[in-house]
Amino acid sequence: MNRQKEGYRFYRYNGKALYAKREISYELRLNAQLVLDELCFNWNKLKLEEAINHSIDTGNKEQFLRLSKEYRNFVWE
């Protein structure tokens, strides 16, 4: 078998210059993730508390028991 030769030709890129983005540090990413987790946790807990209070106000026992069972995950300290 004959060896096949490959030739490459490079052309200058005429478009807009591309710049690499700086990597975000691990500490900053971790801190941002922890803040977002805390915000989501507090928001979900608040909405669940509002739903529990609404079920108490309306006297819906089944909904109250279901929601209070879900609420235990937020106060397992």
C-alpha atoms as a PDB file:
ATOM      1  CA  MET A   1       0.000   0.000   0.000  1.00  0.00           C
ATOM      2  CA  ASN A   2       1.173   3.431  -0.820  1.00  0.00           C
ATOM      3  CA  ARG A   3       1.239   6.007   1.905  1.00  0.00           C
ATOM      4  CA  GLN A   4      -1.192   8.782   1.339  1.00  0.00           C
ATOM      5  CA  LYS A   5      -0.010  12.281   2.013  1.00  0.00           C
ATOM      6  CA  GLU A   6      -2.181  14.846   3.637  1.00  0.00           C
ATOM      7  CA  GLY A   7      -1.679  18.522   3.184  1.00  0.00           C
ATOM      8  CA  TYR A   8      -3.076  21.217   5.431  1.00  0.00           C
ATOM      9  CA  ARG A   9      -3.574  24.817   4.523  1.00  0.00           C
ATOM     10  CA  PHE A  10      -4.241  27.369   7.220  1.00  0.00           C
ATOM     11  CA  TYR A  11      -6.292  30.456   6.504  1.00  0.00           C
ATOM     12  CA  ARG A  12      -6.266  33.580   8.629  1.00  0.00           C
ATOM     13  CA  TYR A  13      -9.465  34.071  10.606  1.00  0.00           C
ATOM     14  CA  ASN A  14     -11.052  37.337   9.528  1.00  0.00           C
ATOM     15  CA  GLY A  15     -13.828  37.439  12.116  1.00  0.00           C
ATOM     16  CA  LYS A  16     -14.078  39.114  15.471  1.00  0.00           C
ATOM     17  CA  ALA A  17     -11.375  38.190  17.984  1.00  0.00           C
ATOM     18  CA  LEU A  18     -12.358  35.553  20.533  1.00  0.00           C
ATOM     19  CA  TYR A  19     -11.311  35.873  24.146  1.00  0.00           C
ATOM     20  CA  ALA A  20     -11.231  33.032  26.652  1.00  0.00           C
ATOM     21  CA  LYS A  21     -13.374  33.452  29.735  1.00  0.00           C
ATOM     22  CA  ARG A  22     -11.730  33.285  33.094  1.00  0.00           C
ATOM     23  CA  GLU A  23     -12.501  30.251  35.196  1.00  0.00           C
ATOM     24  CA  ILE A  24     -14.611  31.004  38.264  1.00  0.00           C
ATOM     25  CA  SER A  25     -12.882  29.876  41.434  1.00  0.00           C
ATOM     26  CA  TYR A  26     -14.135  26.821  43.298  1.00  0.00           C
ATOM     27  CA  GLU A  27     -14.828  28.819  46.458  1.00  0.00           C
ATOM     28  CA  LEU A  28     -16.978  31.327  44.603  1.00  0.00           C
ATOM     29  CA  ARG A  29     -18.961  28.586  42.834  1.00  0.00           C
ATOM     30  CA  LEU A  30     -19.459  26.714  46.106  1.00  0.00           C
ATOM     31  CA  ASN A  31     -20.569  29.862  47.913  1.00  0.00           C
ATOM     32  CA  ALA A  32     -23.031  30.721  45.137  1.00  0.00           C
ATOM     33  CA  GLN A  33     -24.455  27.187  45.201  1.00  0.00           C
ATOM     34  CA  LEU A  34     -24.877  27.287  48.979  1.00  0.00           C
ATOM     35  CA  VAL A  35     -26.667  30.639  48.818  1.00  0.00           C
ATOM     36  CA  LEU A  36     -29.005  29.379  46.088  1.00  0.00           C
ATOM     37  CA  ASP A  37     -29.715  26.198  48.044  1.00  0.00           C
ATOM     38  CA  GLU A  38     -30.536  28.214  51.160  1.00  0.00           C
ATOM     39  CA  LEU A  39     -32.846  30.531  49.209  1.00  0.00           C
ATOM     40  CA  CYS A  40     -34.693  27.611  47.605  1.00  0.00           C
ATOM     41  CA  PHE A  41     -34.977  25.819  50.948  1.00  0.00           C
ATOM     42  CA  ASN A  42     -36.433  28.880  52.676  1.00  0.00           C
ATOM     43  CA  TRP A  43     -38.835  29.600  49.808  1.00  0.00           C
ATOM     44  CA  ASN A  44     -40.111  26.004  49.725  1.00  0.00           C
ATOM     45  CA  LYS A  45     -40.485  25.973  53.510  1.00  0.00           C
ATOM     46  CA  LEU A  46     -42.426  29.252  53.448  1.00  0.00           C
ATOM     47  CA  LYS A  47     -44.792  28.019  50.718  1.00  0.00           C
ATOM     48  CA  LEU A  48     -45.372  24.779  52.620  1.00  0.00           C
ATOM     49  CA  GLU A  49     -46.103  26.700  55.830  1.00  0.00           C
ATOM     50  CA  GLU A  50     -48.615  28.860  53.949  1.00  0.00           C
ATOM     51  CA  ALA A  51     -50.302  25.747  52.546  1.00  0.00           C
ATOM     52  CA  ILE A  52     -50.437  24.161  56.017  1.00  0.00           C
ATOM     53  CA  ASN A  53     -51.946  27.323  57.503  1.00  0.00           C
ATOM     54  CA  HIS A  54     -54.509  27.432  54.698  1.00  0.00           C
ATOM     55  CA  SER A  55     -55.478  23.794  55.308  1.00  0.00           C
ATOM     56  CA  ILE A  56     -55.898  24.559  59.027  1.00  0.00           C
ATOM     57  CA  ASP A  57     -58.051  27.591  58.235  1.00  0.00           C
ATOM     58  CA  THR A  58     -60.269  25.603  55.861  1.00  0.00           C
ATOM     59  CA  GLY A  59     -60.422  22.552  58.153  1.00  0.00           C
ATOM     60  CA  ASN A  60     -59.046  20.138  55.556  1.00  0.00           C
ATOM     61  CA  LYS A  61     -57.575  17.399  57.759  1.00  0.00           C
ATOM     62  CA  GLU A  62     -56.289  15.122  54.949  1.00  0.00           C
ATOM     63  CA  GLN A  63     -54.395  17.958  53.303  1.00  0.00           C
ATOM     64  CA  PHE A  64     -53.013  19.071  56.666  1.00  0.00           C
ATOM     65  CA  LEU A  65     -51.711  15.579  57.471  1.00  0.00           C
ATOM     66  CA  ARG A  66     -50.124  15.214  54.026  1.00  0.00           C
ATOM     67  CA  LEU A  67     -48.474  18.636  54.171  1.00  0.00           C
ATOM     68  CA  SER A  68     -47.294  18.225  57.760  1.00  0.00           C
ATOM     69  CA  LYS A  69     -45.636  14.950  56.762  1.00  0.00           C
ATOM     70  CA  GLU A  70     -43.775  16.806  53.986  1.00  0.00           C
ATOM     71  CA  TYR A  71     -42.919  19.610  56.416  1.00  0.00           C
ATOM     72  CA  ARG A  72     -41.052  17.203  58.705  1.00  0.00           C
ATOM     73  CA  ASN A  73     -38.236  17.102  56.129  1.00  0.00           C
ATOM     74  CA  PHE A  74     -37.664  20.823  56.684  1.00  0.00           C
ATOM     75  CA  VAL A  75     -37.417  20.643  60.493  1.00  0.00           C
ATOM     76  CA  TRP A  76     -35.497  17.404  61.091  1.00  0.00           C
ATOM     77  CA  GLU A  77     -32.885  19.116  63.307  1.00  0.00           C
END
